[in-house]
PDB file of N, CA and C in Angstrom:
ATOM      1  N   MET A   1       0.826  -1.245  -0.040  1.00  0.00           N
ATOM      2  CA  MET A   1      -0.047   0.036  -0.057  1.00  0.00           C
ATOM      3  C   MET A   1       1.001   1.364  -0.086  1.00  0.00           C
ATOM      4  N   GLU A   2       1.894   1.220   0.565  1.00  0.00           N
ATOM      5  CA  GLU A   2       2.610   2.276   0.722  1.00  0.00           C
ATOM      6  C   GLU A   2       3.532   2.670  -0.463  1.00  0.00           C
ATOM      7  N   GLU A   3       3.608   1.647  -1.571  1.00  0.00           N
ATOM      8  CA  GLU A   3       4.234   1.892  -2.786  1.00  0.00           C
ATOM      9  C   GLU A   3       3.140   2.350  -3.575  1.00  0.00           C
ATOM     10  N   LYS A   4       1.979   2.026  -3.223  1.00  0.00           N
ATOM     11  CA  LYS A   4       0.716   2.481  -3.993  1.00  0.00           C
ATOM     12  C   LYS A   4       0.219   4.049  -4.018  1.00  0.00           C
ATOM     13  N   TYR A   5       0.104   4.223  -2.612  1.00  0.00           N
ATOM     14  CA  TYR A   5      -0.475   5.564  -2.232  1.00  0.00           C
ATOM     15  C   TYR A   5       0.677   6.760  -1.548  1.00  0.00           C
ATOM     16  N   GLY A   6       1.964   5.869  -1.170  1.00  0.00           N
ATOM     17  CA  GLY A   6       3.043   6.951  -0.473  1.00  0.00           C
ATOM     18  C   GLY A   6       2.990   7.219   0.968  1.00  0.00           C
ATOM     19  N   SER A   7       3.657   6.909   1.473  1.00  0.00           N
ATOM     20  CA  SER A   7       3.859   7.276   3.043  1.00  0.00           C
ATOM     21  C   SER A   7       2.961   8.299   3.694  1.00  0.00           C
ATOM     22  N   LYS A   8       3.122   9.513   3.076  1.00  0.00           N
ATOM     23  CA  LYS A   8       2.153  10.644   3.532  1.00  0.00           C
ATOM     24  C   LYS A   8       0.900  10.598   3.550  1.00  0.00           C
ATOM     25  N   ALA A   9       0.448   9.903   2.220  1.00  0.00           N
ATOM     26  CA  ALA A   9      -1.206   9.630   1.904  1.00  0.00           C
ATOM     27  C   ALA A   9      -1.574   8.488   3.242  1.00  0.00           C
ATOM     28  N   ILE A  10      -0.844   7.640   3.159  1.00  0.00           N
ATOM     29  CA  ILE A  10      -1.213   6.521   4.364  1.00  0.00           C
ATOM     30  C   ILE A  10      -1.349   6.992   5.715  1.00  0.00           C
ATOM     31  N   LEU A  11      -0.740   8.026   6.028  1.00  0.00           N
ATOM     32  CA  LEU A  11      -0.535   8.583   7.086  1.00  0.00           C
ATOM     33  C   LEU A  11      -1.682   9.361   7.630  1.00  0.00           C
ATOM     34  N   LEU A  12      -1.907  10.267   6.585  1.00  0.00           N
ATOM     35  CA  LEU A  12      -3.044  10.974   6.724  1.00  0.00           C
ATOM     36  C   LEU A  12      -4.516  10.134   6.509  1.00  0.00           C
ATOM     37  N   MET A  13      -4.452   8.956   5.935  1.00  0.00           N
ATOM     38  CA  MET A  13      -5.924   8.543   5.965  1.00  0.00           C
ATOM     39  C   MET A  13      -5.717   7.486   7.475  1.00  0.00           C
ATOM     40  N   MET A  14      -4.645   7.258   7.709  1.00  0.00           N
ATOM     41  CA  MET A  14      -4.685   6.569   9.271  1.00  0.00           C
ATOM     42  C   MET A  14      -5.094   7.524  10.183  1.00  0.00           C
ATOM     43  N   VAL A  15      -4.735   8.668  10.519  1.00  0.00           N
ATOM     44  CA  VAL A  15      -5.187   9.930  11.293  1.00  0.00           C
ATOM     45  C   VAL A  15      -6.815  10.169  10.990  1.00  0.00           C
ATOM     46  N   PHE A  16      -7.019  10.156   9.628  1.00  0.00           N
ATOM     47  CA  PHE A  16      -8.430  10.836   9.473  1.00  0.00           C
ATOM     48  C   PHE A  16      -9.384   9.279   9.794  1.00  0.00           C
ATOM     49  N   THR A  17      -8.915   8.405   9.675  1.00  0.00           N
ATOM     50  CA  THR A  17      -9.765   7.124  10.349  1.00  0.00           C
ATOM     51  C   THR A  17     -10.045   7.064  11.808  1.00  0.00           C
ATOM     52  N   ALA A  18      -8.924   7.190  12.555  1.00  0.00           N
ATOM     53  CA  ALA A  18      -8.974   7.340  13.664  1.00  0.00           C
ATOM     54  C   ALA A  18      -9.694   8.376  14.370  1.00  0.00           C
ATOM     55  N   PHE A  19      -9.976   9.634  13.753  1.00  0.00           N
ATOM     56  CA  PHE A  19     -10.157  10.576  14.205  1.00  0.00           C
ATOM     57  C   PHE A  19     -11.796  10.446  13.665  1.00  0.00           C
ATOM     58  N   PHE A  20     -12.180  10.223  12.702  1.00  0.00           N
ATOM     59  CA  PHE A  20     -13.404   9.939  12.248  1.00  0.00           C
ATOM     60  C   PHE A  20     -14.065   8.842  12.949  1.00  0.00           C
ATOM     61  N   THR A  21     -13.677   7.712  13.453  1.00  0.00           N
ATOM     62  CA  THR A  21     -14.225   6.727  14.032  1.00  0.00           C
ATOM     63  C   THR A  21     -14.478   7.084  15.555  1.00  0.00           C
ATOM     64  N   ALA A  22     -13.129   8.300  16.380  1.00  0.00           N
ATOM     65  CA  ALA A  22     -13.329   8.445  17.380  1.00  0.00           C
ATOM     66  C   ALA A  22     -14.565   9.250  17.757  1.00  0.00           C
ATOM     67  N   ILE A  23     -14.986  10.323  16.847  1.00  0.00           N
ATOM     68  CA  ILE A  23     -15.827  11.398  17.095  1.00  0.00           C
ATOM     69  C   ILE A  23     -16.931  10.552  16.645  1.00  0.00           C
ATOM     70  N   LEU A  24     -17.324   9.800  16.000  1.00  0.00           N
ATOM     71  CA  LEU A  24     -18.852   9.013  15.812  1.00  0.00           C
ATOM     72  C   LEU A  24     -19.088   7.929  17.158  1.00  0.00           C
ATOM     73  N   ASN A  25     -17.767   7.630  17.205  1.00  0.00           N
ATOM     74  CA  ASN A  25     -18.179   6.351  18.926  1.00  0.00           C
ATOM     75  C   ASN A  25     -18.654   7.378  19.416  1.00  0.00           C
ATOM     76  N   ASN A  26     -17.863   8.545  20.026  1.00  0.00           N
ATOM     77  CA  ASN A  26     -18.254   9.496  20.834  1.00  0.00           C
ATOM     78  C   ASN A  26     -19.560   9.781  21.074  1.00  0.00           C
ATOM     79  N   LEU A  27     -20.143  10.184  19.934  1.00  0.00           N
ATOM     80  CA  LEU A  27     -21.476  10.618  19.592  1.00  0.00           C
ATOM     81  C   LEU A  27     -22.814   9.563  19.902  1.00  0.00           C
ATOM     82  N   PHE A  28     -22.019   8.198  19.318  1.00  0.00           N
ATOM     83  CA  PHE A  28     -23.261   7.158  19.515  1.00  0.00           C
ATOM     84  C   PHE A  28     -23.302   6.371  20.499  1.00  0.00           C
ATOM     85  N   PHE A  29     -21.877   6.321  21.487  1.00  0.00           N
ATOM     86  CA  PHE A  29     -21.732   5.540  22.294  1.00  0.00           C
ATOM     87  C   PHE A  29     -21.388   6.298  23.451  1.00  0.00           C
ATOM     88  N   SER A  30     -21.453   5.235  24.765  1.00  0.00           N
ATOM     89  CA  SER A  30     -20.647   6.143  26.058  1.00  0.00           C
ATOM     90  C   SER A  30     -19.622   5.286  26.296  1.00  0.00           C
ATOM     91  N   THR A  31     -19.003   4.559  25.571  1.00  0.00           N
ATOM     92  CA  THR A  31     -17.954   3.480  25.888  1.00  0.00           C
ATOM     93  C   THR A  31     -16.855   3.976  25.020  1.00  0.00           C
ATOM     94  N   GLY A  32     -15.423   3.789  25.418  1.00  0.00           N
ATOM     95  CA  GLY A  32     -14.261   4.527  24.640  1.00  0.00           C
ATOM     96  C   GLY A  32     -13.918   3.322  23.753  1.00  0.00           C
ATOM     97  N   ILE A  33     -12.804   3.552  23.068  1.00  0.00           N
ATOM     98  CA  ILE A  33     -12.518   2.497  22.260  1.00  0.00           C
ATOM     99  C   ILE A  33     -10.910   2.551  21.946  1.00  0.00           C
ATOM    100  N   ILE A  34     -10.055   1.233  21.983  1.00  0.00           N
ATOM    101  CA  ILE A  34      -9.002   1.059  22.292  1.00  0.00           C
ATOM    102  C   ILE A  34      -8.091   0.319  21.215  1.00  0.00           C
ATOM    103  N   GLY A  35      -7.460   0.945  20.553  1.00  0.00           N
ATOM    104  CA  GLY A  35      -6.560  -0.141  19.500  1.00  0.00           C
ATOM    105  C   GLY A  35      -6.763   0.728  18.055  1.00  0.00           C
ATOM    106  N   ALA A  36      -6.128  -0.013  17.258  1.00  0.00           N
ATOM    107  CA  ALA A  36      -5.923   0.595  16.011  1.00  0.00           C
ATOM    108  C   ALA A  36      -6.879  -0.342  14.762  1.00  0.00           C
ATOM    109  N   SER A  37      -7.823  -1.087  15.346  1.00  0.00           N
ATOM    110  CA  SER A  37      -8.597  -2.043  14.512  1.00  0.00           C
ATOM    111  C   SER A  37      -9.385  -1.488  13.207  1.00  0.00           C
ATOM    112  N   GLY A  38     -10.075  -0.155  13.870  1.00  0.00           N
ATOM    113  CA  GLY A  38     -10.508   0.083  12.640  1.00  0.00           C
ATOM    114  C   GLY A  38      -9.619   0.921  11.649  1.00  0.00           C
ATOM    115  N   ILE A  39      -8.155   1.041  11.647  1.00  0.00           N
ATOM    116  CA  ILE A  39      -7.480   1.467  10.644  1.00  0.00           C
ATOM    117  C   ILE A  39      -7.046   0.039  10.232  1.00  0.00           C
ATOM    118  N   VAL A  40      -6.916  -1.113  10.707  1.00  0.00           N
ATOM    119  CA  VAL A  40      -6.447  -1.926  10.163  1.00  0.00           C
ATOM    120  C   VAL A  40      -7.599  -2.575   9.026  1.00  0.00           C
ATOM    121  N   PHE A  41      -8.969  -2.443   9.600  1.00  0.00           N
ATOM    122  CA  PHE A  41     -10.179  -2.588   8.615  1.00  0.00           C
ATOM    123  C   PHE A  41     -10.219  -1.850   7.518  1.00  0.00           C
ATOM    124  N   MET A  42      -9.651  -0.257   7.936  1.00  0.00           N
ATOM    125  CA  MET A  42      -9.282   0.328   6.552  1.00  0.00           C
ATOM    126  C   MET A  42      -8.305  -0.135   5.770  1.00  0.00           C
ATOM    127  N   MET A  43      -7.178  -0.412   6.047  1.00  0.00           N
ATOM    128  CA  MET A  43      -6.410  -0.961   5.179  1.00  0.00           C
ATOM    129  C   MET A  43      -6.546  -2.414   4.334  1.00  0.00           C
ATOM    130  N   ILE A  44      -7.226  -3.015   4.847  1.00  0.00           N
ATOM    131  CA  ILE A  44      -7.983  -4.241   4.578  1.00  0.00           C
ATOM    132  C   ILE A  44      -8.707  -4.425   3.216  1.00  0.00           C
ATOM    133  N   ILE A  45      -9.593  -3.098   3.542  1.00  0.00           N
ATOM    134  CA  ILE A  45     -10.444  -2.784   2.268  1.00  0.00           C
ATOM    135  C   ILE A  45      -9.666  -2.066   1.397  1.00  0.00           C
ATOM    136  N   LEU A  46      -8.489  -1.214   1.850  1.00  0.00           N
ATOM    137  CA  LEU A  46      -8.088  -0.218   0.809  1.00  0.00           C
ATOM    138  C   LEU A  46      -7.076  -1.258   0.076  1.00  0.00           C
ATOM    139  N   VAL A  47      -6.266  -2.387   0.378  1.00  0.00           N
ATOM    140  CA  VAL A  47      -5.370  -3.202  -0.143  1.00  0.00           C
ATOM    141  C   VAL A  47      -6.215  -3.841  -1.295  1.00  0.00           C
ATOM    142  N   SER A  48      -7.620  -4.108  -1.314  1.00  0.00           N
ATOM    143  CA  SER A  48      -8.363  -4.611  -2.128  1.00  0.00           C
ATOM    144  C   SER A  48      -8.155  -3.696  -3.321  1.00  0.00           C
ATOM    145  N   PHE A  49      -8.061  -2.506  -3.608  1.00  0.00           N
ATOM    146  CA  PHE A  49      -7.869  -1.552  -4.565  1.00  0.00           C
ATOM    147  C   PHE A  49      -6.458  -1.848  -5.212  1.00  0.00           C
ATOM    148  N   ALA A  50      -5.392  -2.274  -4.599  1.00  0.00           N
ATOM    149  CA  ALA A  50      -4.388  -2.149  -5.146  1.00  0.00           C
ATOM    150  C   ALA A  50      -3.710  -2.238  -6.624  1.00  0.00           C
ATOM    151  N   ASN A  51      -4.395  -3.477  -6.903  1.00  0.00           N
ATOM    152  CA  ASN A  51      -4.377  -3.261  -8.455  1.00  0.00           C
ATOM    153  C   ASN A  51      -5.041  -2.870  -9.626  1.00  0.00           C
ATOM    154  N   THR A  52      -5.922  -2.182  -9.348  1.00  0.00           N
ATOM    155  CA  THR A  52      -6.893  -1.765 -10.250  1.00  0.00           C
ATOM    156  C   THR A  52      -6.446  -0.408 -11.271  1.00  0.00           C
ATOM    157  N   LYS A  53      -7.141  -0.702 -12.412  1.00  0.00           N
ATOM    158  CA  LYS A  53      -6.776   0.680 -13.095  1.00  0.00           C
ATOM    159  C   LYS A  53      -8.096   1.180 -13.486  1.00  0.00           C
ATOM    160  N   GLY A  54      -8.173   2.605 -13.692  1.00  0.00           N
ATOM    161  CA  GLY A  54      -9.515   3.027 -14.153  1.00  0.00           C
ATOM    162  C   GLY A  54     -10.503   3.227 -13.149  1.00  0.00           C
ATOM    163  N   ASN A  55     -11.831   3.115 -13.418  1.00  0.00           N
ATOM    164  CA  ASN A  55     -12.975   3.167 -12.570  1.00  0.00           C
ATOM    165  C   ASN A  55     -13.513   2.084 -12.067  1.00  0.00           C
ATOM    166  N   ASP A  56     -12.978   0.997 -12.435  1.00  0.00           N
ATOM    167  CA  ASP A  56     -13.294  -0.194 -12.435  1.00  0.00           C
ATOM    168  C   ASP A  56     -13.589  -0.724 -10.547  1.00  0.00           C
ATOM    169  N   ILE A  57     -14.937  -1.309 -10.359  1.00  0.00           N
ATOM    170  CA  ILE A  57     -14.753  -1.856  -9.171  1.00  0.00           C
ATOM    171  C   ILE A  57     -14.235  -2.961  -9.079  1.00  0.00           C
ATOM    172  N   PRO A  58     -13.320  -3.266  -8.053  1.00  0.00           N
ATOM    173  CA  PRO A  58     -12.422  -4.717  -8.005  1.00  0.00           C
ATOM    174  C   PRO A  58     -13.280  -5.767  -7.690  1.00  0.00           C
ATOM    175  N   LEU A  59     -13.128  -7.043  -8.079  1.00  0.00           N
ATOM    176  CA  LEU A  59     -13.811  -8.161  -7.201  1.00  0.00           C
ATOM    177  C   LEU A  59     -13.730  -8.596  -5.951  1.00  0.00           C
ATOM    178  N   THR A  60     -12.236  -8.273  -5.915  1.00  0.00           N
ATOM    179  CA  THR A  60     -11.785  -8.382  -4.627  1.00  0.00           C
ATOM    180  C   THR A  60     -12.124  -7.435  -3.393  1.00  0.00           C
ATOM    181  N   PHE A  61     -12.529  -6.390  -3.747  1.00  0.00           N
ATOM    182  CA  PHE A  61     -13.287  -5.074  -2.861  1.00  0.00           C
ATOM    183  C   PHE A  61     -14.667  -6.062  -2.560  1.00  0.00           C
ATOM    184  N   ILE A  62     -15.143  -6.233  -3.564  1.00  0.00           N
ATOM    185  CA  ILE A  62     -16.567  -6.996  -3.326  1.00  0.00           C
ATOM    186  C   ILE A  62     -16.856  -8.165  -2.195  1.00  0.00           C
ATOM    187  N   LEU A  63     -15.722  -8.953  -2.555  1.00  0.00           N
ATOM    188  CA  LEU A  63     -15.375  -9.919  -1.721  1.00  0.00           C
ATOM    189  C   LEU A  63     -14.958  -9.899  -0.345  1.00  0.00           C
ATOM    190  N   VAL A  64     -14.304  -8.763  -0.023  1.00  0.00           N
ATOM    191  CA  VAL A  64     -13.824  -8.529   1.131  1.00  0.00           C
ATOM    192  C   VAL A  64     -14.699  -7.923   1.859  1.00  0.00           C
ATOM    193  N   LEU A  65     -15.626  -6.952   1.416  1.00  0.00           N
ATOM    194  CA  LEU A  65     -16.650  -6.295   2.265  1.00  0.00           C
ATOM    195  C   LEU A  65     -17.632  -6.908   2.242  1.00  0.00           C
ATOM    196  N   VAL A  66     -17.843  -8.276   1.628  1.00  0.00           N
ATOM    197  CA  VAL A  66     -19.090  -9.043   2.073  1.00  0.00           C
ATOM    198  C   VAL A  66     -18.381  -9.713   3.193  1.00  0.00           C
ATOM    199  N   LEU A  67     -17.405 -10.510   2.873  1.00  0.00           N
ATOM    200  CA  LEU A  67     -16.857 -11.354   4.254  1.00  0.00           C
ATOM    201  C   LEU A  67     -16.206 -10.615   5.527  1.00  0.00           C
ATOM    202  N   TYR A  68     -15.415  -9.653   4.918  1.00  0.00           N
ATOM    203  CA  TYR A  68     -15.045  -9.001   6.690  1.00  0.00           C
ATOM    204  C   TYR A  68     -16.175  -8.087   7.121  1.00  0.00           C
ATOM    205  N   LEU A  69     -16.602  -7.168   6.467  1.00  0.00           N
ATOM    206  CA  LEU A  69     -17.452  -6.387   7.032  1.00  0.00           C
ATOM    207  C   LEU A  69     -18.829  -7.020   7.552  1.00  0.00           C
ATOM    208  N   GLY A  70     -19.250  -8.115   6.675  1.00  0.00           N
ATOM    209  CA  GLY A  70     -20.552  -8.888   6.861  1.00  0.00           C
ATOM    210  C   GLY A  70     -20.349  -9.356   8.091  1.00  0.00           C
ATOM    211  N   LYS A  71     -19.161 -10.051   8.413  1.00  0.00           N
ATOM    212  CA  LYS A  71     -18.800 -10.857   9.726  1.00  0.00           C
ATOM    213  C   LYS A  71     -18.968  -9.840  10.796  1.00  0.00           C
ATOM    214  N   GLU A  72     -18.650  -8.387  10.671  1.00  0.00           N
ATOM    215  CA  GLU A  72     -18.489  -7.618  11.822  1.00  0.00           C
ATOM    216  C   GLU A  72     -20.062  -7.296  12.051  1.00  0.00           C
ATOM    217  N   VAL A  73     -20.710  -6.925  10.913  1.00  0.00           N
ATOM    218  CA  VAL A  73     -22.221  -6.643  11.126  1.00  0.00           C
ATOM    219  C   VAL A  73     -22.807  -7.573  12.086  1.00  0.00           C
ATOM    220  N   PHE A  74     -22.728  -9.167  11.423  1.00  0.00           N
ATOM    221  CA  PHE A  74     -23.327 -10.018  12.120  1.00  0.00           C
ATOM    222  C   PHE A  74     -22.749 -10.134  13.639  1.00  0.00           C
ATOM    223  N   ASN A  75     -21.680 -10.005  14.039  1.00  0.00           N
ATOM    224  CA  ASN A  75     -20.855  -9.938  15.357  1.00  0.00           C
ATOM    225  C   ASN A  75     -21.668  -8.753  16.168  1.00  0.00           C
ATOM    226  N   ALA A  76     -21.996  -7.640  15.550  1.00  0.00           N
ATOM    227  CA  ALA A  76     -22.403  -6.446  16.187  1.00  0.00           C
ATOM    228  C   ALA A  76     -23.626  -6.974  17.223  1.00  0.00           C
ATOM    229  N   PHE A  77     -24.313  -7.977  16.739  1.00  0.00           N
ATOM    230  CA  PHE A  77     -25.329  -7.917  18.138  1.00  0.00           C
ATOM    231  C   PHE A  77     -25.107  -9.218  18.914  1.00  0.00           C
ATOM    232  N   GLU A  78     -23.824  -9.626  19.015  1.00  0.00           N
ATOM    233  CA  GLU A  78     -23.151 -10.263  20.443  1.00  0.00           C
ATOM    234  C   GLU A  78     -22.771  -9.271  21.433  1.00  0.00           C
ATOM    235  N   ALA A  79     -23.105  -9.948  22.736  1.00  0.00           N
ATOM    236  CA  ALA A  79     -22.345  -9.199  23.772  1.00  0.00           C
ATOM    237  C   ALA A  79     -20.939  -9.392  23.826  1.00  0.00           C
ATOM    238  N   ASP A  80     -20.324  -8.602  23.516  1.00  0.00           N
ATOM    239  CA  ASP A  80     -18.858  -8.690  23.836  1.00  0.00           C
ATOM    240  C   ASP A  80     -17.838  -7.493  23.748  1.00  0.00           C
ATOM    241  N   THR A  81     -16.507  -7.249  23.959  1.00  0.00           N
ATOM    242  CA  THR A  81     -15.797  -5.896  24.310  1.00  0.00           C
ATOM    243  C   THR A  81     -15.271  -5.462  23.265  1.00  0.00           C
ATOM    244  N   THR A  82     -15.633  -5.969  21.770  1.00  0.00           N
ATOM    245  CA  THR A  82     -14.838  -5.945  20.749  1.00  0.00           C
ATOM    246  C   THR A  82     -15.706  -4.733  20.163  1.00  0.00           C
ATOM    247  N   SER A  83     -15.083  -3.616  19.780  1.00  0.00           N
ATOM    248  CA  SER A  83     -16.056  -2.530  18.974  1.00  0.00           C
ATOM    249  C   SER A  83     -16.368  -2.881  17.532  1.00  0.00           C
ATOM    250  N   GLN A  84     -17.430  -3.491  17.147  1.00  0.00           N
ATOM    251  CA  GLN A  84     -17.509  -3.766  15.523  1.00  0.00           C
ATOM    252  C   GLN A  84     -17.749  -2.307  14.968  1.00  0.00           C
ATOM    253  N   PHE A  85     -18.280  -1.442  15.811  1.00  0.00           N
ATOM    254  CA  PHE A  85     -18.571  -0.534  15.367  1.00  0.00           C
ATOM    255  C   PHE A  85     -17.214   0.327  14.547  1.00  0.00           C
ATOM    256  N   ALA A  86     -15.996   0.410  15.157  1.00  0.00           N
ATOM    257  CA  ALA A  86     -14.600   0.800  14.420  1.00  0.00           C
ATOM    258  C   ALA A  86     -14.336  -0.131  13.606  1.00  0.00           C
ATOM    259  N   HIS A  87     -14.730  -1.138  13.596  1.00  0.00           N
ATOM    260  CA  HIS A  87     -14.324  -1.928  12.175  1.00  0.00           C
ATOM    261  C   HIS A  87     -15.100  -1.973  11.355  1.00  0.00           C
ATOM    262  N   ILE A  88     -16.238  -1.690  11.248  1.00  0.00           N
ATOM    263  CA  ILE A  88     -17.055  -1.383  10.236  1.00  0.00           C
ATOM    264  C   ILE A  88     -17.236   0.293   9.810  1.00  0.00           C
ATOM    265  N   LEU A  89     -16.876   0.987  10.677  1.00  0.00           N
ATOM    266  CA  LEU A  89     -16.615   2.522  10.010  1.00  0.00           C
ATOM    267  C   LEU A  89     -14.804   2.732   9.433  1.00  0.00           C
ATOM    268  N   GLY A  90     -13.873   1.742   9.824  1.00  0.00           N
ATOM    269  CA  GLY A  90     -12.961   1.725   9.505  1.00  0.00           C
ATOM    270  C   GLY A  90     -12.867   1.208   8.005  1.00  0.00           C
ATOM    271  N   GLY A  91     -13.941   0.409   7.932  1.00  0.00           N
ATOM    272  CA  GLY A  91     -13.893  -0.449   6.547  1.00  0.00           C
ATOM    273  C   GLY A  91     -14.651   0.298   5.511  1.00  0.00           C
ATOM    274  N   LEU A  92     -15.646   1.277   5.799  1.00  0.00           N
ATOM    275  CA  LEU A  92     -16.297   2.068   5.195  1.00  0.00           C
ATOM    276  C   LEU A  92     -15.424   3.417   4.709  1.00  0.00           C
ATOM    277  N   VAL A  93     -14.805   3.691   5.701  1.00  0.00           N
ATOM    278  CA  VAL A  93     -13.550   4.851   5.457  1.00  0.00           C
ATOM    279  C   VAL A  93     -12.469   4.214   4.280  1.00  0.00           C
ATOM    280  N   GLY A  94     -12.013   3.458   4.450  1.00  0.00           N
ATOM    281  CA  GLY A  94     -11.145   2.402   3.249  1.00  0.00           C
ATOM    282  C   GLY A  94     -11.786   2.432   1.944  1.00  0.00           C
ATOM    283  N   ALA A  95     -13.216   2.487   1.930  1.00  0.00           N
ATOM    284  CA  ALA A  95     -13.861   1.993   0.719  1.00  0.00           C
ATOM    285  C   ALA A  95     -13.845   3.166   0.297  1.00  0.00           C
ATOM    286  N   VAL A  96     -14.329   4.518   0.775  1.00  0.00           N
ATOM    287  CA  VAL A  96     -14.410   5.670   0.375  1.00  0.00           C
ATOM    288  C   VAL A  96     -12.888   6.193  -0.209  1.00  0.00           C
ATOM    289  N   PHE A  97     -11.930   6.059   0.573  1.00  0.00           N
ATOM    290  CA  PHE A  97     -10.519   6.058   0.291  1.00  0.00           C
ATOM    291  C   PHE A  97     -10.031   5.243  -1.377  1.00  0.00           C
ATOM    292  N   GLY A  98     -10.497   4.241  -1.426  1.00  0.00           N
ATOM    293  CA  GLY A  98     -10.303   3.593  -2.511  1.00  0.00           C
ATOM    294  C   GLY A  98     -10.965   3.933  -3.853  1.00  0.00           C
ATOM    295  N   PHE A  99     -12.087   4.372  -3.302  1.00  0.00           N
ATOM    296  CA  PHE A  99     -12.992   4.963  -4.693  1.00  0.00           C
ATOM    297  C   PHE A  99     -12.755   6.594  -4.676  1.00  0.00           C
ATOM    298  N   SER A 100     -11.998   7.009  -3.967  1.00  0.00           N
ATOM    299  CA  SER A 100     -11.787   8.528  -4.129  1.00  0.00           C
ATOM    300  C   SER A 100     -10.912   8.969  -5.068  1.00  0.00           C
ATOM    301  N   PRO A 101     -11.137   9.818  -5.938  1.00  0.00           N
ATOM    302  CA  PRO A 101     -10.453  10.240  -7.007  1.00  0.00           C
ATOM    303  C   PRO A 101      -9.104  11.252  -6.570  1.00  0.00           C
ATOM    304  N   PHE A 102      -9.510  11.981  -5.213  1.00  0.00           N
ATOM    305  CA  PHE A 102      -8.662  12.856  -4.718  1.00  0.00           C
ATOM    306  C   PHE A 102      -7.595  12.126  -4.063  1.00  0.00           C
ATOM    307  N   ILE A 103      -7.528  11.003  -3.990  1.00  0.00           N
ATOM    308  CA  ILE A 103      -6.272  10.336  -3.313  1.00  0.00           C
ATOM    309  C   ILE A 103      -5.377   9.859  -4.512  1.00  0.00           C
ATOM    310  N   ARG A 104      -4.243  10.621  -4.312  1.00  0.00           N
ATOM    311  CA  ARG A 104      -3.516  10.074  -5.516  1.00  0.00           C
ATOM    312  C   ARG A 104      -2.641   8.872  -5.561  1.00  0.00           C
ATOM    313  N   LYS A 105      -2.985   8.170  -6.708  1.00  0.00           N
ATOM    314  CA  LYS A 105      -2.440   6.306  -6.734  1.00  0.00           C
ATOM    315  C   LYS A 105      -1.168   6.715  -7.522  1.00  0.00           C
ATOM    316  N   ARG A 106       0.102   6.466  -7.080  1.00  0.00           N
ATOM    317  CA  ARG A 106       1.186   6.127  -7.852  1.00  0.00           C
ATOM    318  C   ARG A 106       1.063   5.166  -8.921  1.00  0.00           C
ATOM    319  N   THR A 107       1.828   5.415  -9.916  1.00  0.00           N
ATOM    320  CA  THR A 107       1.581   4.360 -11.064  1.00  0.00           C
ATOM    321  C   THR A 107       2.825   3.838 -10.889  1.00  0.00           C
ATOM    322  N   LEU A 108       2.702   2.361 -10.950  1.00  0.00           N
ATOM    323  CA  LEU A 108       4.019   1.698 -10.698  1.00  0.00           C
ATOM    324  C   LEU A 108       4.255   1.367 -12.076  1.00  0.00           C
ATOM    325  N   SER A 109       5.883   1.329 -12.255  1.00  0.00           N
ATOM    326  CA  SER A 109       6.583   0.818 -13.784  1.00  0.00           C
ATOM    327  C   SER A 109       7.124  -0.456 -13.787  1.00  0.00           C
TER     328      SER A 109
END
């Protein structure tokens, strides 16, 4: 991912994901979140865009979205201490970054 997007872009995506997840978590829940699992899910979704060219929707994106985020939506109804909300938001932010024309993607030769 670092070769595709660059270090600065990855850092900005990580900061934005953490900030966005924290703000929305504070608005909707009274509990805190610990860890970087939202960022990890952002990267999982973002890596599915690694070899795309043009404006195509990659099949890997659809599969990862259904399998990973589908599992998190399903697990959200269980009583545990995992923040599926952070996972889901991180994945959605990764999808936004993957489709965003403003994120400069490097061309590898």
